[in-house]
């Protein structure tokens, strides 16, 4: 969250990615960083115990949304 918000403040498009498990925490962090409107892309939880193939499927499922956000939304 911190890095993505910092990059956007510099005019560099950025997207934070987290698992659904951290949705509430991401919202709190974004608010504390002055960006309550900041909306990460959320993927299915968990990540750490997944196989390479499982991680690739999660990344593939989120890829279109991430690319769309990076290419269509101006940085704030």
PDB file of N, CA and C in Angstrom:
ATOM      1  N   UNK A   1       0.819  -1.178   0.000  1.00  0.00           N
ATOM      2  CA  UNK A   1       0.000   0.000   0.000  1.00  0.00           C
ATOM      3  C   UNK A   1       0.870   1.251   0.000  1.00  0.00           C
ATOM      4  N   UNK A   2       1.826   1.266   0.919  1.00  0.00           N
ATOM      5  CA  UNK A   2       2.665   2.453   1.030  1.00  0.00           C
ATOM      6  C   UNK A   2       3.374   2.755  -0.286  1.00  0.00           C
ATOM      7  N   UNK A   3       3.996   1.736  -0.855  1.00  0.00           N
ATOM      8  CA  UNK A   3       4.750   1.949  -2.087  1.00  0.00           C
ATOM      9  C   UNK A   3       3.845   2.394  -3.229  1.00  0.00           C
ATOM     10  N   UNK A   4       2.696   1.749  -3.374  1.00  0.00           N
ATOM     11  CA  UNK A   4       1.785   2.103  -4.470  1.00  0.00           C
ATOM     12  C   UNK A   4       1.269   3.522  -4.330  1.00  0.00           C
ATOM     13  N   UNK A   5       0.910   3.905  -3.138  1.00  0.00           N
ATOM     14  CA  UNK A   5       0.413   5.267  -2.911  1.00  0.00           C
ATOM     15  C   UNK A   5       1.530   6.277  -3.123  1.00  0.00           C
ATOM     16  N   UNK A   6       2.741   5.951  -2.675  1.00  0.00           N
ATOM     17  CA  UNK A   6       3.886   6.840  -2.883  1.00  0.00           C
ATOM     18  C   UNK A   6       4.175   7.009  -4.375  1.00  0.00           C
ATOM     19  N   UNK A   7       4.171   5.909  -5.121  1.00  0.00           N
ATOM     20  CA  UNK A   7       4.414   5.995  -6.559  1.00  0.00           C
ATOM     21  C   UNK A   7       3.364   6.860  -7.244  1.00  0.00           C
ATOM     22  N   UNK A   8       2.097   6.652  -6.893  1.00  0.00           N
ATOM     23  CA  UNK A   8       1.042   7.471  -7.501  1.00  0.00           C
ATOM     24  C   UNK A   8       1.215   8.940  -7.162  1.00  0.00           C
ATOM     25  N   UNK A   9       1.662   9.232  -5.945  1.00  0.00           N
ATOM     26  CA  UNK A   9       1.871  10.639  -5.576  1.00  0.00           C
ATOM     27  C   UNK A   9       2.972  11.273  -6.415  1.00  0.00           C
ATOM     28  N   UNK A  10       3.850  10.449  -6.981  1.00  0.00           N
ATOM     29  CA  UNK A  10       4.919  10.925  -7.863  1.00  0.00           C
ATOM     30  C   UNK A  10       4.494  10.934  -9.325  1.00  0.00           C
ATOM     31  N   UNK A  11       3.228  10.569  -9.583  1.00  0.00           N
ATOM     32  CA  UNK A  11       2.722  10.551 -10.945  1.00  0.00           C
ATOM     33  C   UNK A  11       2.988   9.256 -11.686  1.00  0.00           C
ATOM     34  N   UNK A  12       3.389   8.227 -10.954  1.00  0.00           N
ATOM     35  CA  UNK A  12       3.682   6.925 -11.558  1.00  0.00           C
ATOM     36  C   UNK A  12       2.513   5.992 -11.274  1.00  0.00           C
ATOM     37  N   UNK A  13       1.850   5.497 -12.306  1.00  0.00           N
ATOM     38  CA  UNK A  13       0.732   4.580 -12.078  1.00  0.00           C
ATOM     39  C   UNK A  13       1.187   3.347 -11.294  1.00  0.00           C
ATOM     40  N   UNK A  14       0.372   2.949 -10.341  1.00  0.00           N
ATOM     41  CA  UNK A  14       0.713   1.795  -9.505  1.00  0.00           C
ATOM     42  C   UNK A  14      -0.568   1.099  -9.053  1.00  0.00           C
ATOM     43  N   UNK A  15      -0.452  -0.182  -8.824  1.00  0.00           N
ATOM     44  CA  UNK A  15      -1.572  -0.973  -8.318  1.00  0.00           C
ATOM     45  C   UNK A  15      -1.048  -1.862  -7.207  1.00  0.00           C
ATOM     46  N   UNK A  16      -1.651  -1.767  -6.058  1.00  0.00           N
ATOM     47  CA  UNK A  16      -1.320  -2.684  -4.966  1.00  0.00           C
ATOM     48  C   UNK A  16      -2.118  -3.962  -5.173  1.00  0.00           C
ATOM     49  N   UNK A  17      -1.508  -5.087  -4.848  1.00  0.00           N
ATOM     50  CA  UNK A  17      -2.176  -6.381  -4.949  1.00  0.00           C
ATOM     51  C   UNK A  17      -2.072  -7.058  -3.591  1.00  0.00           C
ATOM     52  N   UNK A  18      -3.199  -7.537  -3.100  1.00  0.00           N
ATOM     53  CA  UNK A  18      -3.237  -8.230  -1.813  1.00  0.00           C
ATOM     54  C   UNK A  18      -4.297  -9.320  -1.880  1.00  0.00           C
ATOM     55  N   UNK A  19      -4.283 -10.186  -0.893  1.00  0.00           N
ATOM     56  CA  UNK A  19      -5.330 -11.205  -0.862  1.00  0.00           C
ATOM     57  C   UNK A  19      -6.567 -10.640  -0.164  1.00  0.00           C
ATOM     58  N   UNK A  20      -7.695 -11.276  -0.433  1.00  0.00           N
ATOM     59  CA  UNK A  20      -8.969 -10.844   0.148  1.00  0.00           C
ATOM     60  C   UNK A  20      -8.915 -10.786   1.670  1.00  0.00           C
ATOM     61  N   UNK A  21      -8.097 -11.619   2.253  1.00  0.00           N
ATOM     62  CA  UNK A  21      -7.967 -11.666   3.715  1.00  0.00           C
ATOM     63  C   UNK A  21      -7.545 -10.306   4.290  1.00  0.00           C
ATOM     64  N   UNK A  22      -6.855  -9.503   3.479  1.00  0.00           N
ATOM     65  CA  UNK A  22      -6.318  -8.226   3.959  1.00  0.00           C
ATOM     66  C   UNK A  22      -7.108  -7.015   3.466  1.00  0.00           C
ATOM     67  N   UNK A  23      -8.321  -7.234   3.020  1.00  0.00           N
ATOM     68  CA  UNK A  23      -9.157  -6.141   2.509  1.00  0.00           C
ATOM     69  C   UNK A  23      -9.360  -5.039   3.562  1.00  0.00           C
ATOM     70  N   UNK A  24      -9.739  -5.413   4.765  1.00  0.00           N
ATOM     71  CA  UNK A  24      -9.976  -4.407   5.811  1.00  0.00           C
ATOM     72  C   UNK A  24      -8.688  -3.669   6.169  1.00  0.00           C
ATOM     73  N   UNK A  25      -7.596  -4.407   6.309  1.00  0.00           N
ATOM     74  CA  UNK A  25      -6.317  -3.780   6.658  1.00  0.00           C
ATOM     75  C   UNK A  25      -5.862  -2.822   5.557  1.00  0.00           C
ATOM     76  N   UNK A  26      -6.072  -3.205   4.312  1.00  0.00           N
ATOM     77  CA  UNK A  26      -5.698  -2.335   3.196  1.00  0.00           C
ATOM     78  C   UNK A  26      -6.504  -1.039   3.235  1.00  0.00           C
ATOM     79  N   UNK A  27      -7.775  -1.145   3.546  1.00  0.00           N
ATOM     80  CA  UNK A  27      -8.610   0.053   3.648  1.00  0.00           C
ATOM     81  C   UNK A  27      -8.149   0.984   4.753  1.00  0.00           C
ATOM     82  N   UNK A  28      -7.787   0.422   5.885  1.00  0.00           N
ATOM     83  CA  UNK A  28      -7.289   1.232   7.011  1.00  0.00           C
ATOM     84  C   UNK A  28      -5.980   1.910   6.621  1.00  0.00           C
ATOM     85  N   UNK A  29      -5.059   1.140   6.031  1.00  0.00           N
ATOM     86  CA  UNK A  29      -3.780   1.719   5.629  1.00  0.00           C
ATOM     87  C   UNK A  29      -3.964   2.838   4.622  1.00  0.00           C
ATOM     88  N   UNK A  30      -4.801   2.607   3.628  1.00  0.00           N
ATOM     89  CA  UNK A  30      -5.031   3.636   2.611  1.00  0.00           C
ATOM     90  C   UNK A  30      -5.593   4.904   3.254  1.00  0.00           C
ATOM     91  N   UNK A  31      -6.526   4.742   4.161  1.00  0.00           N
ATOM     92  CA  UNK A  31      -7.102   5.910   4.846  1.00  0.00           C
ATOM     93  C   UNK A  31      -6.051   6.652   5.658  1.00  0.00           C
ATOM     94  N   UNK A  32      -5.231   5.906   6.380  1.00  0.00           N
ATOM     95  CA  UNK A  32      -4.183   6.537   7.183  1.00  0.00           C
ATOM     96  C   UNK A  32      -3.141   7.239   6.323  1.00  0.00           C
ATOM     97  N   UNK A  33      -2.991   6.779   5.094  1.00  0.00           N
ATOM     98  CA  UNK A  33      -2.048   7.413   4.167  1.00  0.00           C
ATOM     99  C   UNK A  33      -2.702   8.526   3.352  1.00  0.00           C
ATOM    100  N   UNK A  34      -3.941   8.874   3.714  1.00  0.00           N
ATOM    101  CA  UNK A  34      -4.624   9.977   3.048  1.00  0.00           C
ATOM    102  C   UNK A  34      -5.295   9.613   1.742  1.00  0.00           C
ATOM    103  N   UNK A  35      -5.453   8.325   1.463  1.00  0.00           N
ATOM    104  CA  UNK A  35      -6.078   7.875   0.223  1.00  0.00           C
ATOM    105  C   UNK A  35      -7.190   6.864   0.497  1.00  0.00           C
ATOM    106  N   UNK A  36      -8.250   7.275   1.178  1.00  0.00           N
ATOM    107  CA  UNK A  36      -9.336   6.328   1.474  1.00  0.00           C
ATOM    108  C   UNK A  36      -9.984   5.764   0.215  1.00  0.00           C
ATOM    109  N   UNK A  37      -9.785   6.423  -0.924  1.00  0.00           N
ATOM    110  CA  UNK A  37     -10.345   5.962  -2.199  1.00  0.00           C
ATOM    111  C   UNK A  37      -9.458   4.935  -2.894  1.00  0.00           C
ATOM    112  N   UNK A  38      -8.252   4.714  -2.399  1.00  0.00           N
ATOM    113  CA  UNK A  38      -7.310   3.799  -3.041  1.00  0.00           C
ATOM    114  C   UNK A  38      -7.859   2.375  -2.977  1.00  0.00           C
ATOM    115  N   UNK A  39      -7.873   1.704  -4.105  1.00  0.00           N
ATOM    116  CA  UNK A  39      -8.508   0.400  -4.201  1.00  0.00           C
ATOM    117  C   UNK A  39      -7.547  -0.637  -4.785  1.00  0.00           C
ATOM    118  N   UNK A  40      -6.942  -1.470  -3.948  1.00  0.00           N
ATOM    119  CA  UNK A  40      -6.054  -2.512  -4.456  1.00  0.00           C
ATOM    120  C   UNK A  40      -6.812  -3.564  -5.267  1.00  0.00           C
ATOM    121  N   UNK A  41      -6.077  -4.365  -5.989  1.00  0.00           N
ATOM    122  CA  UNK A  41      -6.640  -5.552  -6.626  1.00  0.00           C
ATOM    123  C   UNK A  41      -6.480  -6.683  -5.613  1.00  0.00           C
ATOM    124  N   UNK A  42      -7.554  -7.384  -5.367  1.00  0.00           N
ATOM    125  CA  UNK A  42      -7.516  -8.480  -4.404  1.00  0.00           C
ATOM    126  C   UNK A  42      -7.583  -9.819  -5.119  1.00  0.00           C
ATOM    127  N   UNK A  43      -6.740 -10.735  -4.664  1.00  0.00           N
ATOM    128  CA  UNK A  43      -6.709 -12.097  -5.188  1.00  0.00           C
ATOM    129  C   UNK A  43      -7.108 -13.055  -4.070  1.00  0.00           C
ATOM    130  N   UNK A  44      -7.387 -14.282  -4.451  1.00  0.00           N
ATOM    131  CA  UNK A  44      -7.799 -15.266  -3.463  1.00  0.00           C
ATOM    132  C   UNK A  44      -6.684 -15.577  -2.476  1.00  0.00           C
ATOM    133  N   UNK A  45      -7.076 -15.752  -1.241  1.00  0.00           N
ATOM    134  CA  UNK A  45      -6.175 -16.122  -0.154  1.00  0.00           C
ATOM    135  C   UNK A  45      -6.171 -17.641  -0.071  1.00  0.00           C
ATOM    136  N   UNK A  46      -5.081 -18.274   0.273  1.00  0.00           N
ATOM    137  CA  UNK A  46      -3.768 -17.783   0.680  1.00  0.00           C
ATOM    138  C   UNK A  46      -2.818 -17.699  -0.499  1.00  0.00           C
ATOM    139  N   UNK A  47      -1.606 -17.231  -0.206  1.00  0.00           N
ATOM    140  CA  UNK A  47      -0.545 -17.145  -1.195  1.00  0.00           C
ATOM    141  C   UNK A  47       0.654 -17.998  -0.773  1.00  0.00           C
ATOM    142  N   UNK A  48       1.084 -17.844   0.463  1.00  0.00           N
ATOM    143  CA  UNK A  48       2.384 -18.376   0.867  1.00  0.00           C
ATOM    144  C   UNK A  48       2.556 -19.879   0.728  1.00  0.00           C
ATOM    145  N   UNK A  49       1.498 -20.665   0.841  1.00  0.00           N
ATOM    146  CA  UNK A  49       1.663 -22.114   0.759  1.00  0.00           C
ATOM    147  C   UNK A  49       1.242 -22.692  -0.586  1.00  0.00           C
ATOM    148  N   UNK A  50       1.090 -21.840  -1.565  1.00  0.00           N
ATOM    149  CA  UNK A  50       0.617 -22.274  -2.876  1.00  0.00           C
ATOM    150  C   UNK A  50       1.763 -22.770  -3.756  1.00  0.00           C
ATOM    151  N   UNK A  51       1.427 -23.656  -4.675  1.00  0.00           N
ATOM    152  CA  UNK A  51       2.415 -24.110  -5.644  1.00  0.00           C
ATOM    153  C   UNK A  51       2.614 -23.028  -6.701  1.00  0.00           C
ATOM    154  N   UNK A  52       3.643 -23.164  -7.477  1.00  0.00           N
ATOM    155  CA  UNK A  52       3.893 -22.208  -8.562  1.00  0.00           C
ATOM    156  C   UNK A  52       2.685 -22.122  -9.491  1.00  0.00           C
ATOM    157  N   UNK A  53       2.104 -23.248  -9.807  1.00  0.00           N
ATOM    158  CA  UNK A  53       0.952 -23.283 -10.712  1.00  0.00           C
ATOM    159  C   UNK A  53      -0.253 -22.565 -10.104  1.00  0.00           C
ATOM    160  N   UNK A  54      -0.473 -22.738  -8.819  1.00  0.00           N
ATOM    161  CA  UNK A  54      -1.589 -22.059  -8.154  1.00  0.00           C
ATOM    162  C   UNK A  54      -1.383 -20.549  -8.142  1.00  0.00           C
ATOM    163  N   UNK A  55      -0.159 -20.125  -7.879  1.00  0.00           N
ATOM    164  CA  UNK A  55       0.159 -18.690  -7.899  1.00  0.00           C
ATOM    165  C   UNK A  55      -0.036 -18.138  -9.307  1.00  0.00           C
ATOM    166  N   UNK A  56       0.413 -18.870 -10.312  1.00  0.00           N
ATOM    167  CA  UNK A  56       0.254 -18.416 -11.693  1.00  0.00           C
ATOM    168  C   UNK A  56      -1.219 -18.258 -12.052  1.00  0.00           C
ATOM    169  N   UNK A  57      -2.072 -19.171 -11.592  1.00  0.00           N
ATOM    170  CA  UNK A  57      -3.517 -19.045 -11.862  1.00  0.00           C
ATOM    171  C   UNK A  57      -4.088 -17.797 -11.194  1.00  0.00           C
ATOM    172  N   UNK A  58      -3.665 -17.518  -9.983  1.00  0.00           N
ATOM    173  CA  UNK A  58      -4.143 -16.317  -9.291  1.00  0.00           C
ATOM    174  C   UNK A  58      -3.661 -15.059  -9.995  1.00  0.00           C
ATOM    175  N   UNK A  59      -2.414 -15.064 -10.413  1.00  0.00           N
ATOM    176  CA  UNK A  59      -1.868 -13.909 -11.133  1.00  0.00           C
ATOM    177  C   UNK A  59      -2.595 -13.721 -12.462  1.00  0.00           C
ATOM    178  N   UNK A  60      -2.822 -14.802 -13.168  1.00  0.00           N
ATOM    179  CA  UNK A  60      -3.513 -14.742 -14.458  1.00  0.00           C
ATOM    180  C   UNK A  60      -4.929 -14.185 -14.284  1.00  0.00           C
ATOM    181  N   UNK A  61      -5.597 -14.583 -13.211  1.00  0.00           N
ATOM    182  CA  UNK A  61      -6.959 -14.107 -12.957  1.00  0.00           C
ATOM    183  C   UNK A  61      -6.990 -12.604 -12.675  1.00  0.00           C
ATOM    184  N   UNK A  62      -5.921 -12.060 -12.098  1.00  0.00           N
ATOM    185  CA  UNK A  62      -5.873 -10.638 -11.745  1.00  0.00           C
ATOM    186  C   UNK A  62      -5.231  -9.771 -12.824  1.00  0.00           C
ATOM    187  N   UNK A  63      -4.560 -10.380 -13.769  1.00  0.00           N
ATOM    188  CA  UNK A  63      -3.749  -9.644 -14.740  1.00  0.00           C
ATOM    189  C   UNK A  63      -4.540  -8.602 -15.527  1.00  0.00           C
ATOM    190  N   UNK A  64      -5.681  -8.960 -16.056  1.00  0.00           N
ATOM    191  CA  UNK A  64      -6.459  -8.020 -16.867  1.00  0.00           C
ATOM    192  C   UNK A  64      -6.847  -6.777 -16.055  1.00  0.00           C
ATOM    193  N   UNK A  65      -7.257  -6.979 -14.821  1.00  0.00           N
ATOM    194  CA  UNK A  65      -7.637  -5.843 -13.962  1.00  0.00           C
ATOM    195  C   UNK A  65      -6.424  -4.959 -13.666  1.00  0.00           C
ATOM    196  N   UNK A  66      -5.298  -5.563 -13.380  1.00  0.00           N
ATOM    197  CA  UNK A  66      -4.086  -4.796 -13.081  1.00  0.00           C
ATOM    198  C   UNK A  66      -3.657  -3.973 -14.290  1.00  0.00           C
ATOM    199  N   UNK A  67      -3.598  -4.593 -15.451  1.00  0.00           N
ATOM    200  CA  UNK A  67      -3.203  -3.882 -16.669  1.00  0.00           C
ATOM    201  C   UNK A  67      -4.192  -2.762 -16.973  1.00  0.00           C
ATOM    202  N   UNK A  68      -5.465  -3.036 -16.818  1.00  0.00           N
ATOM    203  CA  UNK A  68      -6.489  -2.015 -17.064  1.00  0.00           C
ATOM    204  C   UNK A  68      -6.291  -0.804 -16.173  1.00  0.00           C
ATOM    205  N   UNK A  69      -6.042  -1.042 -14.911  1.00  0.00           N
ATOM    206  CA  UNK A  69      -5.836   0.076 -13.980  1.00  0.00           C
ATOM    207  C   UNK A  69      -4.565   0.856 -14.298  1.00  0.00           C
ATOM    208  N   UNK A  70      -3.527   0.150 -14.670  1.00  0.00           N
ATOM    209  CA  UNK A  70      -2.259   0.829 -14.957  1.00  0.00           C
ATOM    210  C   UNK A  70      -2.306   1.636 -16.242  1.00  0.00           C
ATOM    211  N   UNK A  71      -3.161   1.236 -17.171  1.00  0.00           N
ATOM    212  CA  UNK A  71      -3.172   1.901 -18.472  1.00  0.00           C
ATOM    213  C   UNK A  71      -4.340   2.845 -18.680  1.00  0.00           C
ATOM    214  N   UNK A  72      -5.329   2.847 -17.774  1.00  0.00           N
ATOM    215  CA  UNK A  72      -6.492   3.681 -18.013  1.00  0.00           C
ATOM    216  C   UNK A  72      -6.760   4.733 -16.962  1.00  0.00           C
ATOM    217  N   UNK A  73      -6.134   4.629 -15.814  1.00  0.00           N
ATOM    218  CA  UNK A  73      -6.389   5.591 -14.749  1.00  0.00           C
ATOM    219  C   UNK A  73      -5.191   6.497 -14.574  1.00  0.00           C
ATOM    220  N   UNK A  74      -5.427   7.785 -14.618  1.00  0.00           N
ATOM    221  CA  UNK A  74      -4.303   8.693 -14.340  1.00  0.00           C
ATOM    222  C   UNK A  74      -3.890   8.611 -12.875  1.00  0.00           C
ATOM    223  N   UNK A  75      -2.621   8.691 -12.620  1.00  0.00           N
ATOM    224  CA  UNK A  75      -2.125   8.710 -11.233  1.00  0.00           C
ATOM    225  C   UNK A  75      -2.584  10.001 -10.570  1.00  0.00           C
ATOM    226  N   UNK A  76      -2.861   9.914  -9.294  1.00  0.00           N
ATOM    227  CA  UNK A  76      -3.332  11.079  -8.527  1.00  0.00           C
ATOM    228  C   UNK A  76      -2.163  11.715  -7.797  1.00  0.00           C
TER     229      UNK A  76
END
